[in-house]
Amino acid sequence: MGHLLNEPISAEHDPSGRLTAYEWRGARYAVDEVLKTYGAAPETRIYRVRITGENGPAVAELGRDADRWRLRHVFSA
């Protein structure tokens, strides 16, 4: 079961634009792999990603709306 959060995050990208990490509630989470993306337009997509943080691995769902990012869900890995 996942936790619905829908909270703003600060996303980090490499020079090519690939999502590499995000910061949420003062902690940084590395994006290990993008598992799936979906949505109608590139600027409004949902990303399901495998992450590693201080509590270990998990799967997160991140929402992008232009340059604003939100952490939507977190699932146990």
Protein backbone atom coordinates (compact mmCIF):
# COMPACT_ATOMS: atom_id res chain seq x y z
CA MET A 1 0.00 0.00 0.00
CA GLY A 2 1.31 3.47 -0.86
CA HIS A 3 1.12 6.73 1.01
CA LEU A 4 -0.66 9.60 -0.75
CA LEU A 5 1.31 12.79 -0.11
CA ASN A 6 0.87 15.31 -2.96
CA GLU A 7 3.58 17.62 -1.56
CA PRO A 8 5.95 19.94 -3.46
CA ILE A 9 9.52 18.78 -4.06
CA SER A 10 12.68 20.26 -5.54
CA ALA A 11 13.76 18.10 -8.50
CA GLU A 12 17.36 17.77 -9.70
CA HIS A 13 18.41 16.98 -13.28
CA ASP A 14 21.67 16.18 -15.06
CA PRO A 15 22.85 18.36 -18.00
CA SER A 16 20.84 16.24 -20.46
CA GLY A 17 17.61 16.87 -18.49
CA ARG A 18 17.35 13.39 -16.92
CA LEU A 19 15.76 13.32 -13.45
CA THR A 20 18.51 12.34 -10.99
CA ALA A 21 17.24 13.21 -7.49
CA TYR A 22 14.76 15.25 -5.50
CA GLU A 23 14.59 16.92 -2.12
CA TRP A 24 11.57 16.54 0.14
CA ARG A 25 11.14 17.64 3.76
CA GLY A 26 14.87 18.41 4.02
CA ALA A 27 16.04 14.96 2.83
CA ARG A 28 17.57 14.11 -0.55
CA TYR A 29 16.47 11.04 -2.52
CA ALA A 30 18.50 9.66 -5.44
CA VAL A 31 16.52 8.48 -8.47
CA ASP A 32 18.02 5.10 -9.38
CA GLU A 33 15.71 4.32 -12.29
CA VAL A 34 12.64 5.69 -14.04
CA LEU A 35 10.24 2.74 -14.14
CA LYS A 36 7.37 4.33 -16.08
CA THR A 37 6.17 7.68 -17.36
CA TYR A 38 2.66 8.56 -18.40
CA GLY A 39 0.58 11.62 -19.14
CA ALA A 40 -0.86 13.56 -22.03
CA ALA A 41 1.97 16.05 -22.60
CA PRO A 42 5.72 16.11 -21.81
CA GLU A 43 5.32 19.11 -19.48
CA THR A 44 2.56 17.40 -17.45
CA ARG A 45 3.79 13.87 -16.83
CA ILE A 46 3.78 11.38 -13.99
CA TYR A 47 7.04 9.55 -13.26
CA ARG A 48 7.19 6.30 -11.32
CA VAL A 49 10.77 5.97 -10.07
CA ARG A 50 12.91 3.67 -7.95
CA ILE A 51 14.64 5.77 -5.28
CA THR A 52 17.20 5.43 -2.53
CA GLY A 53 17.03 7.62 0.56
CA GLU A 54 18.11 7.54 4.17
CA ASN A 55 15.48 4.85 4.93
CA GLY A 56 16.58 2.61 2.05
CA PRO A 57 14.96 1.83 -1.31
CA ALA A 58 11.38 2.65 -2.27
CA VAL A 59 9.24 3.46 -5.30
CA ALA A 60 7.86 6.98 -5.65
CA GLU A 61 5.41 8.61 -8.01
CA LEU A 62 6.34 12.16 -8.96
CA GLY A 63 4.08 14.58 -10.81
CA ARG A 64 5.43 17.30 -13.10
CA ASP A 65 3.42 20.35 -14.16
CA ALA A 66 5.74 22.56 -16.25
CA ASP A 67 8.56 23.43 -13.81
CA ARG A 68 6.62 22.46 -10.65
CA TRP A 69 7.14 19.00 -9.18
CA ARG A 70 5.13 17.14 -6.52
CA LEU A 71 5.69 13.90 -4.64
CA ARG A 72 2.39 12.11 -5.18
CA HIS A 73 2.89 8.64 -3.65
CA VAL A 74 5.58 6.56 -1.93
CA PHE A 75 5.46 2.75 -2.02
CA SER A 76 7.60 0.30 -0.04
CA ALA A 77 10.17 -1.45 -2.22
